[in-house]
All heavy atoms as atom14 arrays in JSON, in Angstrom:
{
  "sequence": "SAGISRYTVSPEGYIDFPVLGKLKVEGMSRDELSGFIKGELMGRDLA",
  "atom14_mask": [
    [1, 1, 1, 1, 1, 1, 0, 0, 0, 0, 0, 0, 0, 0],
    [1, 1, 1, 1, 1, 0, 0, 0, 0, 0, 0, 0, 0, 0],
    [1, 1, 1, 1, 0, 0, 0, 0, 0, 0, 0, 0, 0, 0],
    [1, 1, 1, 1, 1, 1, 1, 1, 0, 0, 0, 0, 0, 0],
    [1, 1, 1, 1, 1, 1, 0, 0, 0, 0, 0, 0, 0, 0],
    [1, 1, 1, 1, 1, 1, 1, 1, 1, 1, 1, 0, 0, 0],
    [1, 1, 1, 1, 1, 1, 1, 1, 1, 1, 1, 1, 0, 0],
    [1, 1, 1, 1, 1, 1, 1, 0, 0, 0, 0, 0, 0, 0],
    [1, 1, 1, 1, 1, 1, 1, 0, 0, 0, 0, 0, 0, 0],
    [1, 1, 1, 1, 1, 1, 0, 0, 0, 0, 0, 0, 0, 0],
    [1, 1, 1, 1, 1, 1, 1, 0, 0, 0, 0, 0, 0, 0],
    [1, 1, 1, 1, 1, 1, 1, 1, 1, 0, 0, 0, 0, 0],
    [1, 1, 1, 1, 0, 0, 0, 0, 0, 0, 0, 0, 0, 0],
    [1, 1, 1, 1, 1, 1, 1, 1, 1, 1, 1, 1, 0, 0],
    [1, 1, 1, 1, 1, 1, 1, 1, 0, 0, 0, 0, 0, 0],
    [1, 1, 1, 1, 1, 1, 1, 1, 0, 0, 0, 0, 0, 0],
    [1, 1, 1, 1, 1, 1, 1, 1, 1, 1, 1, 0, 0, 0],
    [1, 1, 1, 1, 1, 1, 1, 0, 0, 0, 0, 0, 0, 0],
    [1, 1, 1, 1, 1, 1, 1, 0, 0, 0, 0, 0, 0, 0],
    [1, 1, 1, 1, 1, 1, 1, 1, 0, 0, 0, 0, 0, 0],
    [1, 1, 1, 1, 0, 0, 0, 0, 0, 0, 0, 0, 0, 0],
    [1, 1, 1, 1, 1, 1, 1, 1, 1, 0, 0, 0, 0, 0],
    [1, 1, 1, 1, 1, 1, 1, 1, 0, 0, 0, 0, 0, 0],
    [1, 1, 1, 1, 1, 1, 1, 1, 1, 0, 0, 0, 0, 0],
    [1, 1, 1, 1, 1, 1, 1, 0, 0, 0, 0, 0, 0, 0],
    [1, 1, 1, 1, 1, 1, 1, 1, 1, 0, 0, 0, 0, 0],
    [1, 1, 1, 1, 0, 0, 0, 0, 0, 0, 0, 0, 0, 0],
    [1, 1, 1, 1, 1, 1, 1, 1, 0, 0, 0, 0, 0, 0],
    [1, 1, 1, 1, 1, 1, 0, 0, 0, 0, 0, 0, 0, 0],
    [1, 1, 1, 1, 1, 1, 1, 1, 1, 1, 1, 0, 0, 0],
    [1, 1, 1, 1, 1, 1, 1, 1, 0, 0, 0, 0, 0, 0],
    [1, 1, 1, 1, 1, 1, 1, 1, 1, 0, 0, 0, 0, 0],
    [1, 1, 1, 1, 1, 1, 1, 1, 0, 0, 0, 0, 0, 0],
    [1, 1, 1, 1, 1, 1, 0, 0, 0, 0, 0, 0, 0, 0],
    [1, 1, 1, 1, 0, 0, 0, 0, 0, 0, 0, 0, 0, 0],
    [1, 1, 1, 1, 1, 1, 1, 1, 1, 1, 1, 0, 0, 0],
    [1, 1, 1, 1, 1, 1, 1, 1, 0, 0, 0, 0, 0, 0],
    [1, 1, 1, 1, 1, 1, 1, 1, 1, 0, 0, 0, 0, 0],
    [1, 1, 1, 1, 0, 0, 0, 0, 0, 0, 0, 0, 0, 0],
    [1, 1, 1, 1, 1, 1, 1, 1, 1, 0, 0, 0, 0, 0],
    [1, 1, 1, 1, 1, 1, 1, 1, 0, 0, 0, 0, 0, 0],
    [1, 1, 1, 1, 1, 1, 1, 1, 0, 0, 0, 0, 0, 0],
    [1, 1, 1, 1, 0, 0, 0, 0, 0, 0, 0, 0, 0, 0],
    [1, 1, 1, 1, 1, 1, 1, 1, 1, 1, 1, 0, 0, 0],
    [1, 1, 1, 1, 1, 1, 1, 1, 0, 0, 0, 0, 0, 0],
    [1, 1, 1, 1, 1, 1, 1, 1, 0, 0, 0, 0, 0, 0],
    [1, 1, 1, 1, 1, 0, 0, 0, 0, 0, 0, 0, 0, 0]
  ],
  "atom14_positions": [
    [[22.11, 0.1, -4.47], [20.69, 0.11, -4.79], [20.32, 1.47, -5.35], [20.73, 2.5, -4.82], [19.88, -0.19, -3.51], [18.55, -0.44, -3.82], [0.0, 0.0, 0.0], [0.0, 0.0, 0.0], [0.0, 0.0, 0.0], [0.0, 0.0, 0.0], [0.0, 0.0, 0.0], [0.0, 0.0, 0.0], [0.0, 0.0, 0.0], [0.0, 0.0, 0.0]],
    [[19.57, 1.48, -6.43], [19.24, 2.74, -7.11], [17.82, 3.17, -6.79], [16.93, 2.34, -6.57], [19.41, 2.59, -8.62], [0.0, 0.0, 0.0], [0.0, 0.0, 0.0], [0.0, 0.0, 0.0], [0.0, 0.0, 0.0], [0.0, 0.0, 0.0], [0.0, 0.0, 0.0], [0.0, 0.0, 0.0], [0.0, 0.0, 0.0], [0.0, 0.0, 0.0]],
    [[17.6, 4.47, -6.79], [16.25, 5.01, -6.68], [15.73, 5.14, -5.27], [14.54, 5.32, -5.08], [0.0, 0.0, 0.0], [0.0, 0.0, 0.0], [0.0, 0.0, 0.0], [0.0, 0.0, 0.0], [0.0, 0.0, 0.0], [0.0, 0.0, 0.0], [0.0, 0.0, 0.0], [0.0, 0.0, 0.0], [0.0, 0.0, 0.0], [0.0, 0.0, 0.0]],
    [[16.59, 5.03, -4.27], [16.15, 5.18, -2.89], [16.27, 6.64, -2.47], [17.34, 7.22, -2.52], [16.98, 4.3, -1.94], [16.79, 2.82, -2.3], [16.59, 4.54, -0.5], [17.64, 1.89, -1.46], [0.0, 0.0, 0.0], [0.0, 0.0, 0.0], [0.0, 0.0, 0.0], [0.0, 0.0, 0.0], [0.0, 0.0, 0.0], [0.0, 0.0, 0.0]],
    [[15.15, 7.21, -2.07], [15.16, 8.58, -1.56], [15.57, 8.54, -0.09], [14.78, 8.18, 0.77], [13.79, 9.23, -1.71], [13.43, 9.3, -3.07], [0.0, 0.0, 0.0], [0.0, 0.0, 0.0], [0.0, 0.0, 0.0], [0.0, 0.0, 0.0], [0.0, 0.0, 0.0], [0.0, 0.0, 0.0], [0.0, 0.0, 0.0], [0.0, 0.0, 0.0]],
    [[16.81, 8.87, 0.17], [17.38, 8.7, 1.51], [17.52, 10.04, 2.21], [18.09, 10.98, 1.65], [18.74, 8.02, 1.39], [19.42, 7.75, 2.71], [20.63, 6.86, 2.47], [21.34, 6.57, 3.71], [22.28, 5.64, 3.83], [22.61, 4.93, 2.78], [22.87, 5.44, 4.97], [0.0, 0.0, 0.0], [0.0, 0.0, 0.0], [0.0, 0.0, 0.0]],
    [[17.01, 10.09, 3.43], [17.08, 11.3, 4.24], [17.69, 10.96, 5.6], [17.35, 9.94, 6.19], [15.68, 11.9, 4.46], [14.95, 12.26, 3.19], [14.22, 11.29, 2.5], [14.99, 13.55, 2.68], [13.55, 11.6, 1.33], [14.32, 13.87, 1.5], [13.61, 12.9, 0.83], [12.95, 13.21, -0.33], [0.0, 0.0, 0.0], [0.0, 0.0, 0.0]],
    [[18.55, 11.83, 6.07], [19.13, 11.69, 7.4], [18.52, 12.74, 8.3], [18.57, 13.94, 8.0], [20.66, 11.84, 7.38], [21.22, 10.83, 6.54], [21.23, 11.71, 8.78], [0.0, 0.0, 0.0], [0.0, 0.0, 0.0], [0.0, 0.0, 0.0], [0.0, 0.0, 0.0], [0.0, 0.0, 0.0], [0.0, 0.0, 0.0], [0.0, 0.0, 0.0]],
    [[17.93, 12.3, 9.39], [17.28, 13.23, 10.32], [18.36, 14.03, 11.04], [19.33, 13.47, 11.58], [16.42, 12.46, 11.34], [15.69, 13.44, 12.27], [15.4, 11.58, 10.61], [0.0, 0.0, 0.0], [0.0, 0.0, 0.0], [0.0, 0.0, 0.0], [0.0, 0.0, 0.0], [0.0, 0.0, 0.0], [0.0, 0.0, 0.0], [0.0, 0.0, 0.0]],
    [[18.22, 15.33, 11.05], [19.22, 16.2, 11.66], [19.18, 16.05, 13.19], [18.2, 15.54, 13.76], [18.92, 17.66, 11.3], [17.76, 18.12, 11.97], [0.0, 0.0, 0.0], [0.0, 0.0, 0.0], [0.0, 0.0, 0.0], [0.0, 0.0, 0.0], [0.0, 0.0, 0.0], [0.0, 0.0, 0.0], [0.0, 0.0, 0.0], [0.0, 0.0, 0.0]],
    [[20.23, 16.5, 13.87], [20.23, 16.45, 15.34], [19.06, 17.18, 15.96], [18.65, 16.87, 17.09], [21.57, 17.11, 15.71], [22.45, 16.88, 14.53], [21.53, 16.97, 13.34], [0.0, 0.0, 0.0], [0.0, 0.0, 0.0], [0.0, 0.0, 0.0], [0.0, 0.0, 0.0], [0.0, 0.0, 0.0], [0.0, 0.0, 0.0], [0.0, 0.0, 0.0]],
    [[18.52, 18.14, 15.23], [17.35, 18.89, 15.75], [16.04, 18.2, 15.39], [14.97, 18.66, 15.79], [17.33, 20.3, 15.18], [18.48, 21.18, 15.65], [19.79, 20.83, 14.96], [19.74, 20.33, 13.81], [20.86, 21.06, 15.55], [0.0, 0.0, 0.0], [0.0, 0.0, 0.0], [0.0, 0.0, 0.0], [0.0, 0.0, 0.0], [0.0, 0.0, 0.0]],
    [[16.09, 17.1, 14.62], [14.88, 16.33, 14.31], [14.21, 16.7, 13.0], [13.03, 16.37, 12.82], [0.0, 0.0, 0.0], [0.0, 0.0, 0.0], [0.0, 0.0, 0.0], [0.0, 0.0, 0.0], [0.0, 0.0, 0.0], [0.0, 0.0, 0.0], [0.0, 0.0, 0.0], [0.0, 0.0, 0.0], [0.0, 0.0, 0.0], [0.0, 0.0, 0.0]],
    [[14.92, 17.34, 12.07], [14.31, 17.78, 10.81], [14.88, 17.0, 9.62], [15.98, 16.43, 9.68], [14.6, 19.27, 10.57], [13.85, 20.2, 11.49], [14.39, 20.57, 12.72], [12.61, 20.74, 11.12], [13.71, 21.44, 13.57], [11.94, 21.6, 11.97], [12.49, 21.95, 13.18], [11.81, 22.81, 14.01], [0.0, 0.0, 0.0], [0.0, 0.0, 0.0]],
    [[14.09, 16.98, 8.53], [14.59, 16.57, 7.22], [14.25, 17.68, 6.23], [13.32, 18.46, 6.45], [13.98, 15.24, 6.73], [12.46, 15.35, 6.58], [14.37, 14.1, 7.65], [11.81, 14.15, 5.9], [0.0, 0.0, 0.0], [0.0, 0.0, 0.0], [0.0, 0.0, 0.0], [0.0, 0.0, 0.0], [0.0, 0.0, 0.0], [0.0, 0.0, 0.0]],
    [[15.02, 17.76, 5.17], [14.76, 18.76, 4.12], [14.11, 18.03, 2.95], [14.78, 17.33, 2.19], [16.08, 19.41, 3.69], [15.85, 20.68, 2.88], [14.67, 21.01, 2.64], [16.83, 21.31, 2.47], [0.0, 0.0, 0.0], [0.0, 0.0, 0.0], [0.0, 0.0, 0.0], [0.0, 0.0, 0.0], [0.0, 0.0, 0.0], [0.0, 0.0, 0.0]],
    [[12.79, 18.19, 2.82], [12.03, 17.43, 1.82], [11.81, 18.29, 0.58], [11.53, 19.51, 0.69], [10.68, 17.01, 2.4], [9.99, 15.94, 1.62], [10.37, 14.62, 1.73], [8.94, 16.27, 0.75], [9.72, 13.63, 1.01], [8.3, 15.29, 0.03], [8.7, 13.96, 0.15], [0.0, 0.0, 0.0], [0.0, 0.0, 0.0], [0.0, 0.0, 0.0]],
    [[11.92, 17.7, -0.62], [11.73, 18.48, -1.85], [10.38, 19.21, -1.85], [9.36, 18.66, -1.47], [11.79, 17.42, -2.95], [12.61, 16.32, -2.37], [12.27, 16.29, -0.91], [0.0, 0.0, 0.0], [0.0, 0.0, 0.0], [0.0, 0.0, 0.0], [0.0, 0.0, 0.0], [0.0, 0.0, 0.0], [0.0, 0.0, 0.0], [0.0, 0.0, 0.0]],
    [[10.4, 20.44, -2.29], [9.23, 21.31, -2.44], [8.67, 21.74, -1.09], [8.42, 22.92, -0.84], [8.12, 20.67, -3.29], [6.95, 21.65, -3.47], [8.65, 20.21, -4.64], [0.0, 0.0, 0.0], [0.0, 0.0, 0.0], [0.0, 0.0, 0.0], [0.0, 0.0, 0.0], [0.0, 0.0, 0.0], [0.0, 0.0, 0.0], [0.0, 0.0, 0.0]],
    [[8.48, 20.78, -0.17], [7.89, 21.11, 1.13], [8.87, 21.82, 2.05], [8.47, 22.53, 2.98], [7.36, 19.84, 1.81], [6.22, 19.1, 1.11], [5.81, 17.89, 1.93], [5.02, 20.03, 0.88], [0.0, 0.0, 0.0], [0.0, 0.0, 0.0], [0.0, 0.0, 0.0], [0.0, 0.0, 0.0], [0.0, 0.0, 0.0], [0.0, 0.0, 0.0]],
    [[10.15, 21.63, 1.85], [11.16, 22.27, 2.69], [11.42, 21.5, 3.98], [11.29, 20.27, 4.04], [0.0, 0.0, 0.0], [0.0, 0.0, 0.0], [0.0, 0.0, 0.0], [0.0, 0.0, 0.0], [0.0, 0.0, 0.0], [0.0, 0.0, 0.0], [0.0, 0.0, 0.0], [0.0, 0.0, 0.0], [0.0, 0.0, 0.0], [0.0, 0.0, 0.0]],
    [[11.77, 22.22, 5.04], [12.12, 21.59, 6.3], [10.87, 21.04, 7.0], [9.89, 21.75, 7.18], [12.81, 22.59, 7.23], [14.32, 22.57, 7.16], [14.9, 23.37, 8.31], [16.41, 23.14, 8.38], [17.0, 23.8, 9.55], [0.0, 0.0, 0.0], [0.0, 0.0, 0.0], [0.0, 0.0, 0.0], [0.0, 0.0, 0.0], [0.0, 0.0, 0.0]],
    [[10.98, 19.78, 7.4], [9.86, 19.14, 8.11], [10.37, 18.58, 9.44], [11.4, 17.92, 9.49], [9.27, 18.0, 7.28], [8.71, 18.34, 5.89], [8.21, 17.07, 5.2], [7.59, 19.37, 6.0], [0.0, 0.0, 0.0], [0.0, 0.0, 0.0], [0.0, 0.0, 0.0], [0.0, 0.0, 0.0], [0.0, 0.0, 0.0], [0.0, 0.0, 0.0]],
    [[9.63, 18.84, 10.51], [9.96, 18.3, 11.82], [9.4, 16.89, 11.9], [8.19, 16.68, 11.93], [9.35, 19.16, 12.92], [9.6, 18.67, 14.34], [11.02, 18.92, 14.79], [11.17, 18.64, 16.28], [12.53, 18.87, 16.77], [0.0, 0.0, 0.0], [0.0, 0.0, 0.0], [0.0, 0.0, 0.0], [0.0, 0.0, 0.0], [0.0, 0.0, 0.0]],
    [[10.28, 15.88, 11.93], [9.82, 14.49, 11.87], [10.15, 13.71, 13.14], [9.65, 12.59, 13.32], [10.44, 13.77, 10.66], [10.03, 14.44, 9.35], [11.96, 13.7, 10.76], [0.0, 0.0, 0.0], [0.0, 0.0, 0.0], [0.0, 0.0, 0.0], [0.0, 0.0, 0.0], [0.0, 0.0, 0.0], [0.0, 0.0, 0.0], [0.0, 0.0, 0.0]],
    [[10.95, 14.27, 14.01], [11.33, 13.55, 15.23], [10.1, 13.22, 16.07], [9.19, 14.03, 16.23], [12.29, 14.4, 16.07], [12.75, 13.71, 17.35], [13.66, 14.59, 18.18], [13.92, 15.75, 17.76], [14.13, 14.13, 19.24], [0.0, 0.0, 0.0], [0.0, 0.0, 0.0], [0.0, 0.0, 0.0], [0.0, 0.0, 0.0], [0.0, 0.0, 0.0]],
    [[10.05, 11.98, 16.58], [8.94, 11.56, 17.42], [7.78, 10.95, 16.67], [6.83, 10.45, 17.29], [0.0, 0.0, 0.0], [0.0, 0.0, 0.0], [0.0, 0.0, 0.0], [0.0, 0.0, 0.0], [0.0, 0.0, 0.0], [0.0, 0.0, 0.0], [0.0, 0.0, 0.0], [0.0, 0.0, 0.0], [0.0, 0.0, 0.0], [0.0, 0.0, 0.0]],
    [[7.82, 10.96, 15.32], [6.76, 10.35, 14.53], [7.06, 8.89, 14.24], [8.22, 8.49, 14.17], [6.59, 11.1, 13.19], [6.1, 12.51, 13.28], [5.81, 13.18, 11.61], [5.3, 14.85, 12.0], [0.0, 0.0, 0.0], [0.0, 0.0, 0.0], [0.0, 0.0, 0.0], [0.0, 0.0, 0.0], [0.0, 0.0, 0.0], [0.0, 0.0, 0.0]],
    [[6.0, 8.11, 14.06], [6.16, 6.76, 13.55], [6.18, 6.81, 12.03], [5.96, 7.87, 11.43], [5.02, 5.87, 14.04], [3.78, 6.3, 13.46], [0.0, 0.0, 0.0], [0.0, 0.0, 0.0], [0.0, 0.0, 0.0], [0.0, 0.0, 0.0], [0.0, 0.0, 0.0], [0.0, 0.0, 0.0], [0.0, 0.0, 0.0], [0.0, 0.0, 0.0]],
    [[6.42, 5.67, 11.4], [6.42, 5.63, 9.94], [5.06, 6.05, 9.4], [4.97, 6.85, 8.46], [6.76, 4.23, 9.43], [8.2, 3.83, 9.64], [8.54, 2.55, 8.89], [7.53, 1.52, 9.06], [6.88, 0.93, 8.05], [7.13, 1.28, 6.8], [6.0, -0.01, 8.29], [0.0, 0.0, 0.0], [0.0, 0.0, 0.0], [0.0, 0.0, 0.0]],
    [[4.0, 5.51, 9.96], [2.66, 5.83, 9.47], [2.32, 7.29, 9.7], [1.67, 7.93, 8.85], [1.62, 4.93, 10.17], [1.68, 3.49, 9.68], [2.25, 3.26, 8.58], [1.16, 2.6, 10.38], [0.0, 0.0, 0.0], [0.0, 0.0, 0.0], [0.0, 0.0, 0.0], [0.0, 0.0, 0.0], [0.0, 0.0, 0.0], [0.0, 0.0, 0.0]],
    [[2.74, 7.83, 10.84], [2.45, 9.23, 11.13], [3.17, 10.16, 10.15], [2.59, 11.14, 9.68], [2.86, 9.55, 12.57], [1.95, 8.92, 13.62], [2.49, 9.04, 15.02], [3.7, 9.34, 15.18], [1.72, 8.83, 15.98], [0.0, 0.0, 0.0], [0.0, 0.0, 0.0], [0.0, 0.0, 0.0], [0.0, 0.0, 0.0], [0.0, 0.0, 0.0]],
    [[4.42, 9.84, 9.84], [5.15, 10.67, 8.88], [4.56, 10.55, 7.49], [4.43, 11.55, 6.76], [6.63, 10.27, 8.85], [7.5, 11.03, 7.86], [7.4, 12.54, 8.08], [8.94, 10.57, 7.95], [0.0, 0.0, 0.0], [0.0, 0.0, 0.0], [0.0, 0.0, 0.0], [0.0, 0.0, 0.0], [0.0, 0.0, 0.0], [0.0, 0.0, 0.0]],
    [[4.17, 9.34, 7.11], [3.54, 9.14, 5.81], [2.26, 9.97, 5.69], [2.02, 10.65, 4.68], [3.24, 7.66, 5.61], [2.53, 7.44, 4.42], [0.0, 0.0, 0.0], [0.0, 0.0, 0.0], [0.0, 0.0, 0.0], [0.0, 0.0, 0.0], [0.0, 0.0, 0.0], [0.0, 0.0, 0.0], [0.0, 0.0, 0.0], [0.0, 0.0, 0.0]],
    [[1.43, 9.92, 6.73], [0.19, 10.69, 6.72], [0.43, 12.19, 6.74], [-0.3, 12.96, 6.1], [0.0, 0.0, 0.0], [0.0, 0.0, 0.0], [0.0, 0.0, 0.0], [0.0, 0.0, 0.0], [0.0, 0.0, 0.0], [0.0, 0.0, 0.0], [0.0, 0.0, 0.0], [0.0, 0.0, 0.0], [0.0, 0.0, 0.0], [0.0, 0.0, 0.0]],
    [[1.48, 12.61, 7.47], [1.8, 14.04, 7.55], [2.22, 14.58, 6.19], [1.74, 15.64, 5.74], [2.92, 14.25, 8.57], [3.42, 15.65, 8.64], [2.63, 16.68, 9.15], [4.7, 15.97, 8.18], [3.1, 17.98, 9.2], [5.17, 17.27, 8.22], [4.37, 18.28, 8.74], [0.0, 0.0, 0.0], [0.0, 0.0, 0.0], [0.0, 0.0, 0.0]],
    [[3.12, 13.87, 5.49], [3.57, 14.33, 4.17], [2.42, 14.3, 3.17], [2.26, 15.23, 2.36], [4.74, 13.46, 3.68], [5.97, 13.7, 4.58], [5.08, 13.78, 2.23], [7.16, 12.84, 4.23], [0.0, 0.0, 0.0], [0.0, 0.0, 0.0], [0.0, 0.0, 0.0], [0.0, 0.0, 0.0], [0.0, 0.0, 0.0], [0.0, 0.0, 0.0]],
    [[1.62, 13.27, 3.23], [0.46, 13.2, 2.33], [-0.48, 14.38, 2.55], [-0.97, 15.0, 1.6], [-0.29, 11.88, 2.55], [-1.48, 11.69, 1.64], [-2.13, 10.32, 1.85], [-3.33, 10.15, 0.92], [-3.94, 8.8, 1.06], [0.0, 0.0, 0.0], [0.0, 0.0, 0.0], [0.0, 0.0, 0.0], [0.0, 0.0, 0.0], [0.0, 0.0, 0.0]],
    [[-0.73, 14.72, 3.82], [-1.59, 15.85, 4.13], [-1.02, 17.17, 3.65], [-1.76, 18.03, 3.14], [0.0, 0.0, 0.0], [0.0, 0.0, 0.0], [0.0, 0.0, 0.0], [0.0, 0.0, 0.0], [0.0, 0.0, 0.0], [0.0, 0.0, 0.0], [0.0, 0.0, 0.0], [0.0, 0.0, 0.0], [0.0, 0.0, 0.0], [0.0, 0.0, 0.0]],
    [[0.31, 17.33, 3.77], [0.96, 18.55, 3.31], [0.86, 18.69, 1.79], [0.59, 19.77, 1.26], [2.43, 18.56, 3.75], [2.64, 18.81, 5.23], [2.24, 20.21, 5.64], [2.71, 21.18, 5.01], [1.43, 20.34, 6.59], [0.0, 0.0, 0.0], [0.0, 0.0, 0.0], [0.0, 0.0, 0.0], [0.0, 0.0, 0.0], [0.0, 0.0, 0.0]],
    [[1.08, 17.6, 1.08], [1.02, 17.65, -0.38], [-0.39, 17.97, -0.88], [-0.58, 18.78, -1.8], [1.48, 16.31, -0.98], [2.97, 15.96, -0.76], [3.25, 14.55, -1.28], [3.86, 16.98, -1.47], [0.0, 0.0, 0.0], [0.0, 0.0, 0.0], [0.0, 0.0, 0.0], [0.0, 0.0, 0.0], [0.0, 0.0, 0.0], [0.0, 0.0, 0.0]],
    [[-1.37, 17.35, -0.26], [-2.75, 17.6, -0.68], [-3.22, 18.97, -0.2], [-3.94, 19.67, -0.91], [-3.66, 16.5, -0.13], [-3.36, 15.11, -0.71], [-4.4, 13.79, -0.01], [-6.04, 14.3, -0.57], [0.0, 0.0, 0.0], [0.0, 0.0, 0.0], [0.0, 0.0, 0.0], [0.0, 0.0, 0.0], [0.0, 0.0, 0.0], [0.0, 0.0, 0.0]],
    [[-2.82, 19.37, 1.02], [-3.26, 20.64, 1.57], [-2.71, 21.83, 0.81], [-3.34, 22.89, 0.76], [0.0, 0.0, 0.0], [0.0, 0.0, 0.0], [0.0, 0.0, 0.0], [0.0, 0.0, 0.0], [0.0, 0.0, 0.0], [0.0, 0.0, 0.0], [0.0, 0.0, 0.0], [0.0, 0.0, 0.0], [0.0, 0.0, 0.0], [0.0, 0.0, 0.0]],
    [[-1.54, 21.68, 0.19], [-0.95, 22.75, -0.59], [-1.26, 22.61, -2.09], [-0.68, 23.31, -2.92], [0.55, 22.77, -0.39], [1.0, 22.96, 1.06], [2.52, 23.1, 1.15], [3.0, 23.01, 2.53], [4.27, 23.21, 2.88], [5.17, 23.52, 1.95], [4.63, 23.1, 4.14], [0.0, 0.0, 0.0], [0.0, 0.0, 0.0], [0.0, 0.0, 0.0]],
    [[-2.17, 21.69, -2.42], [-2.56, 21.45, -3.82], [-1.36, 21.09, -4.7], [-1.29, 21.45, -5.88], [-3.29, 22.67, -4.41], [-4.65, 22.89, -3.77], [-5.29, 21.89, -3.4], [-5.05, 24.06, -3.62], [0.0, 0.0, 0.0], [0.0, 0.0, 0.0], [0.0, 0.0, 0.0], [0.0, 0.0, 0.0], [0.0, 0.0, 0.0], [0.0, 0.0, 0.0]],
    [[-0.42, 20.34, -4.1], [0.74, 19.93, -4.86], [0.55, 18.56, -5.51], [1.2, 18.23, -6.51], [1.98, 19.88, -3.95], [2.42, 21.23, -3.35], [3.52, 21.03, -2.33], [2.89, 22.16, -4.48], [0.0, 0.0, 0.0], [0.0, 0.0, 0.0], [0.0, 0.0, 0.0], [0.0, 0.0, 0.0], [0.0, 0.0, 0.0], [0.0, 0.0, 0.0]],
    [[-0.34, 17.77, -4.97], [-0.61, 16.44, -5.51], [-1.99, 16.01, -5.08], [-2.49, 16.41, -4.01], [0.44, 15.44, -5.04], [0.0, 0.0, 0.0], [0.0, 0.0, 0.0], [0.0, 0.0, 0.0], [0.0, 0.0, 0.0], [0.0, 0.0, 0.0], [0.0, 0.0, 0.0], [0.0, 0.0, 0.0], [0.0, 0.0, 0.0], [0.0, 0.0, 0.0]]
  ]
}
């Protein structure tokens, strides 16, 4: 399958996201992580 942005959560609970860098995602639900990344992108005037 092409075009899937795939991330593996590290043993410490982080992912390395483009531009934003290391993000602590352990313990979040899908919706919580979606809202967190959206807030980071808008809060940093990236999107």
